[in-house]
Amino acid sequence: MKIVRLVALAAAVAAVAGCATNNTESKPVPDSALVAPHFKAWDGKTSSLMFANEEPLRFSSSVTAADKLFAVFGMPSLSTVKEKGIRNPYLRQATKEQVLDAIRPATSPKAGYNNDGSLIAYNLIGGGIGAAGTAITVLGDATFDPRTKLGFAYCFGKKTETADLNDAVQKCGEKVTGLVNSLFQPTTRVLNIGFGQVRAGIVRSGTVSKVGEIFIGTEAYATDGYAPQDRGGYPARIVAIPIQQKLASGVGKMTGAELGEIGPVEWAELLKQQLPKDMAFYLPNGDQPVAVY
């Protein structure tokens, strides 16, 4: 199941990466390894992404970039529903009513709050979906909150530019892969892990070189809908591809299983420099996700 694959991401990446050696990682990969893998759309009949974008979203003036992207995915902000307040099953199990209630604070300045500023959305999402889905453990956590455990790269392609959702997903995946390839000079690691890839390489800034490492998921969420109003409100095929920066630490760093020296804030600045106009993203960073919209 997609849920199991996503929540197992951190452990799986570490385990597979551990098979590599430092000697191998210092060499550029062949050009054939740089080609984008096959991406596919999650085949569920409904998703929070679908319900959120049946009409062009109109955001309140004070909404942050991260909260805009959460709303596009049908998720509440972290100020409305705290970390661990929703679980990964929400992305495919949420009802239309739950999604619209979750994003109301981002799209309507005065709607969606009780006196405590969070109770309405929490009762609908944290309680409803939490009760419907089984508890998921990720590295000791009782829940897997997709807002803080995983990032997503979004494509807001015009509907006329792709043949169907599968075509839109593949083209979006190629953009994400190309973006990462352009930052690595050279790419030194490409690991296929079944539901995605871990890519690593050298990122150069002036005279400074660091190792960047990032996960790109090959199973995306996608829907026919509309781009947000501030992006033109046009008929669009919206695609969300899982991404997650990897920062080496502890035993993983010592053994070479983890290589990354670049955290989410620096990653965001790097990606922002070459981000296509029809794309956006957020990266996990605890309760302060880093987003470019």
Protein backbone atom coordinates (compact mmCIF):
# COMPACT_ATOMS: atom_id res chain seq x y z
CA MET A 1 0.00 0.00 0.00
CA LYS A 2 1.13 3.53 -0.67
CA ILE A 3 0.79 4.44 3.00
CA VAL A 4 3.15 1.71 4.10
CA ARG A 5 5.68 2.66 1.44
CA LEU A 6 5.64 6.32 2.43
CA VAL A 7 5.89 5.75 6.15
CA ALA A 8 8.74 3.29 5.63
CA LEU A 9 10.69 5.83 3.57
CA ALA A 10 13.29 6.89 6.12
CA ALA A 11 14.16 3.35 7.16
CA ALA A 12 14.20 2.01 3.61
CA VAL A 13 16.42 4.77 2.29
CA ALA A 14 18.91 4.29 5.09
CA ALA A 15 19.00 0.52 4.63
CA VAL A 16 19.50 0.62 0.87
CA ALA A 17 21.95 3.50 1.02
CA GLY A 18 24.04 1.53 3.47
CA CYS A 19 24.92 -0.90 0.70
CA ALA A 20 26.96 1.80 -1.05
CA THR A 21 30.58 2.59 -0.25
CA ASN A 22 32.35 5.90 0.05
CA ASN A 23 34.68 4.96 -2.81
CA THR A 24 31.72 4.49 -5.15
CA GLU A 25 30.05 7.72 -4.10
CA SER A 26 33.06 9.87 -5.07
CA LYS A 27 32.70 9.01 -8.76
CA PRO A 28 30.18 10.54 -11.21
CA VAL A 29 27.40 8.21 -12.26
CA PRO A 30 27.07 7.41 -15.98
CA ASP A 31 24.82 9.66 -18.05
CA SER A 32 22.31 6.83 -18.42
CA ALA A 33 21.65 6.98 -14.66
CA LEU A 34 20.59 10.64 -14.90
CA VAL A 35 17.51 9.85 -16.98
CA ALA A 36 14.24 10.34 -15.12
CA PRO A 37 12.65 7.10 -13.89
CA HIS A 38 9.09 6.07 -14.66
CA PHE A 39 6.57 8.02 -12.59
CA LYS A 40 2.98 6.96 -12.05
CA ALA A 41 -0.14 8.41 -10.50
CA TRP A 42 -1.63 7.00 -7.31
CA ASP A 43 -4.66 5.08 -8.59
CA GLY A 44 -7.14 5.94 -5.85
CA LYS A 45 -10.56 7.16 -6.98
CA THR A 46 -10.49 10.18 -4.68
CA SER A 47 -7.88 12.22 -2.85
CA SER A 48 -7.63 15.35 -0.76
CA LEU A 49 -5.81 16.92 -3.74
CA MET A 50 -8.83 16.32 -5.96
CA PHE A 51 -11.39 17.77 -3.53
CA ALA A 52 -9.28 20.86 -2.82
CA ASN A 53 -8.91 21.90 -6.46
CA GLU A 54 -12.33 21.39 -8.01
CA GLU A 55 -12.44 25.19 -8.25
CA PRO A 56 -9.57 27.73 -8.31
CA LEU A 57 -8.40 28.31 -4.74
CA ARG A 58 -8.44 31.93 -3.62
CA PHE A 59 -6.04 32.45 -0.73
CA SER A 60 -6.31 34.94 2.08
CA SER A 61 -3.72 37.73 1.90
CA SER A 62 -1.76 36.63 4.99
CA VAL A 63 -1.36 32.96 4.05
CA THR A 64 2.22 31.67 3.93
CA ALA A 65 3.73 29.75 1.03
CA ALA A 66 3.68 26.53 3.05
CA ASP A 67 0.04 26.96 4.02
CA LYS A 68 -0.89 27.61 0.38
CA LEU A 69 0.71 24.33 -0.63
CA PHE A 70 -0.91 22.49 2.25
CA ALA A 71 -4.27 23.88 1.10
CA VAL A 72 -3.63 22.79 -2.50
CA PHE A 73 -3.20 19.28 -1.10
CA GLY A 74 -6.34 19.69 1.00
CA MET A 75 -4.39 19.77 4.26
CA PRO A 76 -4.76 22.21 7.18
CA SER A 77 -2.01 24.56 8.29
CA LEU A 78 0.14 23.64 11.26
CA SER A 79 -1.27 26.63 13.13
CA THR A 80 -4.78 25.19 12.74
CA VAL A 81 -3.95 21.53 13.36
CA LYS A 82 -0.69 20.90 15.17
CA GLU A 83 2.00 18.42 14.11
CA LYS A 84 0.76 14.79 14.19
CA GLY A 85 -2.81 16.11 13.97
CA ILE A 86 -3.37 14.32 10.66
CA ARG A 87 -2.03 11.06 9.31
CA ASN A 88 -0.92 9.97 5.89
CA PRO A 89 -4.22 8.10 5.17
CA TYR A 90 -5.88 11.52 5.13
CA LEU A 91 -4.48 12.16 1.65
CA ARG A 92 -6.65 9.41 0.19
CA GLN A 93 -9.38 8.85 2.80
CA ALA A 94 -10.56 12.37 3.61
CA THR A 95 -14.07 13.31 2.55
CA LYS A 96 -14.84 16.43 0.58
CA GLU A 97 -16.40 18.00 3.67
CA GLN A 98 -13.27 17.36 5.72
CA VAL A 99 -10.99 18.79 3.04
CA LEU A 100 -13.03 21.95 2.56
CA ASP A 101 -13.16 22.48 6.31
CA ALA A 102 -9.41 21.92 6.59
CA ILE A 103 -8.49 24.53 3.99
CA ARG A 104 -11.13 27.10 4.92
CA PRO A 105 -8.80 29.13 7.20
CA ALA A 106 -6.37 29.56 4.29
CA THR A 107 -9.06 30.52 1.80
CA SER A 108 -11.48 32.47 4.02
CA PRO A 109 -10.01 34.91 6.57
CA LYS A 110 -12.61 34.39 9.31
CA ALA A 111 -13.85 30.84 8.75
CA GLY A 112 -12.84 27.52 10.21
CA TYR A 113 -11.94 28.49 13.77
CA ASN A 114 -13.45 28.01 17.19
CA ASN A 115 -12.38 30.18 20.09
CA ASP A 116 -9.22 28.14 20.53
CA GLY A 117 -8.30 28.64 16.87
CA SER A 118 -8.09 24.97 16.00
CA LEU A 119 -10.90 22.81 17.34
CA ILE A 120 -13.11 22.55 14.24
CA ALA A 121 -10.44 21.22 11.89
CA TYR A 122 -8.86 19.03 14.56
CA ASN A 123 -12.12 17.30 15.42
CA LEU A 124 -12.89 16.55 11.79
CA ILE A 125 -9.44 15.51 10.67
CA GLY A 126 -7.45 14.30 13.63
CA GLY A 127 -10.39 12.41 15.08
CA GLY A 128 -12.18 11.20 11.96
CA ILE A 129 -9.22 9.98 9.96
CA GLY A 130 -7.22 8.94 12.98
CA ALA A 131 -10.04 6.64 14.00
CA ALA A 132 -10.57 5.26 10.50
CA GLY A 133 -6.91 4.53 9.79
CA THR A 134 -4.59 2.30 11.77
CA ALA A 135 -1.83 3.78 13.88
CA ILE A 136 1.44 4.02 11.96
CA THR A 137 4.87 4.02 13.58
CA VAL A 138 7.75 5.83 11.89
CA LEU A 139 11.03 5.86 13.78
CA GLY A 140 9.22 5.92 17.10
CA ASP A 141 6.45 8.35 16.15
CA ALA A 142 2.85 7.28 16.68
CA THR A 143 1.73 9.10 13.53
CA PHE A 144 3.06 10.03 10.12
CA ASP A 145 2.05 13.59 9.38
CA PRO A 146 2.64 14.30 5.66
CA ARG A 147 3.16 18.00 6.44
CA THR A 148 6.24 17.39 8.58
CA LYS A 149 7.61 13.98 7.56
CA LEU A 150 7.69 14.41 3.79
CA GLY A 151 7.84 17.21 1.23
CA PHE A 152 6.19 17.51 -2.16
CA ALA A 153 7.06 19.14 -5.47
CA TYR A 154 3.98 20.47 -7.27
CA CYS A 155 3.36 21.02 -10.97
CA PHE A 156 0.46 23.22 -12.11
CA GLY A 157 0.54 22.33 -15.80
CA LYS A 158 -2.17 23.59 -18.12
CA LYS A 159 -4.59 20.85 -19.04
CA THR A 160 -4.03 21.49 -22.75
CA GLU A 161 -0.30 20.75 -22.43
CA THR A 162 -0.60 17.05 -21.55
CA ALA A 163 -2.54 14.11 -22.98
CA ASP A 164 -3.83 12.80 -19.63
CA LEU A 165 -2.91 12.53 -15.95
CA ASN A 166 -0.28 9.86 -16.58
CA ASP A 167 1.41 12.12 -19.10
CA ALA A 168 1.23 15.04 -16.66
CA VAL A 169 2.78 12.95 -13.88
CA GLN A 170 5.68 11.78 -16.05
CA LYS A 171 6.39 15.30 -17.31
CA CYS A 172 6.32 16.64 -13.76
CA GLY A 173 8.66 13.89 -12.62
CA GLU A 174 11.05 14.73 -15.43
CA LYS A 175 11.05 18.37 -14.33
CA VAL A 176 11.84 17.42 -10.74
CA THR A 177 14.60 15.04 -11.82
CA GLY A 178 16.04 17.61 -14.21
CA LEU A 179 16.01 20.25 -11.49
CA VAL A 180 18.00 18.01 -9.16
CA ASN A 181 20.38 16.95 -11.94
CA SER A 182 21.14 20.59 -12.71
CA LEU A 183 22.18 21.25 -9.11
CA PHE A 184 24.56 18.29 -8.83
CA GLN A 185 27.93 18.81 -10.50
CA PRO A 186 28.38 15.89 -10.72
CA THR A 187 25.76 13.40 -9.56
CA THR A 188 27.53 10.67 -7.58
CA ARG A 189 24.71 8.39 -6.42
CA VAL A 190 21.42 7.18 -7.88
CA LEU A 191 19.75 4.47 -5.82
CA ASN A 192 16.49 2.90 -6.96
CA ILE A 193 14.36 1.77 -4.02
CA GLY A 194 11.19 0.56 -5.71
CA PHE A 195 8.95 3.53 -4.95
CA GLY A 196 11.50 6.23 -5.72
CA GLN A 197 15.14 7.17 -5.99
CA VAL A 198 17.77 8.64 -3.71
CA ARG A 199 20.10 10.96 -5.60
CA ALA A 200 23.27 12.53 -4.27
CA GLY A 201 25.91 14.76 -5.76
CA ILE A 202 28.22 17.71 -5.33
CA VAL A 203 26.66 21.16 -5.07
CA ARG A 204 29.09 24.00 -5.73
CA SER A 205 28.62 27.57 -4.54
CA GLY A 206 31.62 29.73 -5.34
CA THR A 207 34.62 28.00 -3.80
CA VAL A 208 32.50 25.91 -1.43
CA SER A 209 31.38 22.37 -2.29
CA LYS A 210 28.87 20.31 -0.32
CA VAL A 211 27.19 16.96 -0.79
CA GLY A 212 23.47 17.18 -1.42
CA GLU A 213 21.17 14.17 -1.05
CA ILE A 214 17.47 13.99 -1.85
CA PHE A 215 14.70 11.43 -2.21
CA ILE A 216 12.35 11.68 -5.20
CA GLY A 217 9.23 9.52 -5.03
CA THR A 218 7.97 7.94 -8.23
CA GLU A 219 4.37 7.49 -7.04
CA ALA A 220 2.57 10.81 -7.30
CA TYR A 221 -0.79 12.27 -6.44
CA ALA A 222 -2.48 13.90 -9.42
CA THR A 223 -5.84 15.38 -10.35
CA ASP A 224 -7.67 17.30 -13.02
CA GLY A 225 -8.75 20.60 -11.54
CA TYR A 226 -7.81 24.26 -11.53
CA ALA A 227 -4.67 26.18 -10.67
CA PRO A 228 -5.08 28.53 -7.69
CA GLN A 229 -6.44 31.98 -8.48
CA ASP A 230 -3.07 33.66 -7.86
CA ARG A 231 -1.53 31.33 -10.45
CA GLY A 232 -4.11 32.11 -13.10
CA GLY A 233 -7.06 29.91 -12.15
CA TYR A 234 -6.78 27.99 -15.44
CA PRO A 235 -7.88 24.36 -16.01
CA ALA A 236 -4.89 22.36 -14.83
CA ARG A 237 -3.52 18.93 -14.15
CA ILE A 238 -2.05 19.27 -10.68
CA VAL A 239 0.68 16.81 -9.71
CA ALA A 240 2.36 16.36 -6.31
CA ILE A 241 5.56 14.30 -6.24
CA PRO A 242 7.12 13.27 -2.91
CA ILE A 243 10.53 14.76 -2.17
CA GLN A 244 12.65 14.77 0.97
CA GLN A 245 16.11 16.14 1.65
CA LYS A 246 18.48 13.77 3.41
CA LEU A 247 20.88 15.20 6.00
CA ALA A 248 23.59 12.81 7.20
CA SER A 249 23.95 12.29 10.93
CA GLY A 250 25.04 9.74 13.50
CA VAL A 251 25.93 6.21 12.42
CA GLY A 252 24.56 6.78 8.91
CA LYS A 253 27.07 9.56 8.38
CA MET A 254 29.95 7.56 9.84
CA THR A 255 29.30 4.51 7.64
CA GLY A 256 28.57 6.42 4.44
CA ALA A 257 24.95 5.27 4.32
CA GLU A 258 23.96 8.94 4.54
CA LEU A 259 25.86 11.58 2.60
CA GLY A 260 23.83 14.79 2.74
CA GLU A 261 25.41 18.00 4.06
CA ILE A 262 22.58 20.31 3.00
CA GLY A 263 19.55 21.00 5.17
CA PRO A 264 16.03 22.05 4.11
CA VAL A 265 16.57 25.83 4.16
CA GLU A 266 19.66 25.68 1.95
CA TRP A 267 18.01 23.08 -0.30
CA ALA A 268 15.05 25.41 -0.80
CA GLU A 269 17.32 28.28 -1.82
CA LEU A 270 19.11 26.06 -4.33
CA LEU A 271 15.91 24.68 -5.87
CA LYS A 272 14.32 28.12 -5.99
CA GLN A 273 17.03 29.47 -8.29
CA GLN A 274 16.03 27.21 -11.20
CA LEU A 275 12.41 26.41 -10.37
CA PRO A 276 10.08 26.53 -13.43
CA LYS A 277 7.23 29.03 -13.16
CA ASP A 278 4.57 26.33 -13.08
CA MET A 279 6.15 24.55 -10.10
CA ALA A 280 6.26 24.97 -6.31
CA PHE A 281 7.44 22.84 -3.39
CA TYR A 282 7.77 22.45 0.34
CA LEU A 283 10.40 20.53 2.29
CA PRO A 284 9.94 19.03 5.77
CA ASN A 285 11.54 21.01 8.59
CA GLY A 286 9.71 20.06 11.77
CA ASP A 287 6.92 22.51 12.54
CA GLN A 288 8.48 25.11 10.21
CA PRO A 289 8.37 23.60 6.70
CA VAL A 290 10.33 25.47 4.06
CA ALA A 291 8.24 26.36 1.02
CA VAL A 292 8.61 28.15 -2.29
CA TYR A 293 5.35 29.03 -4.00
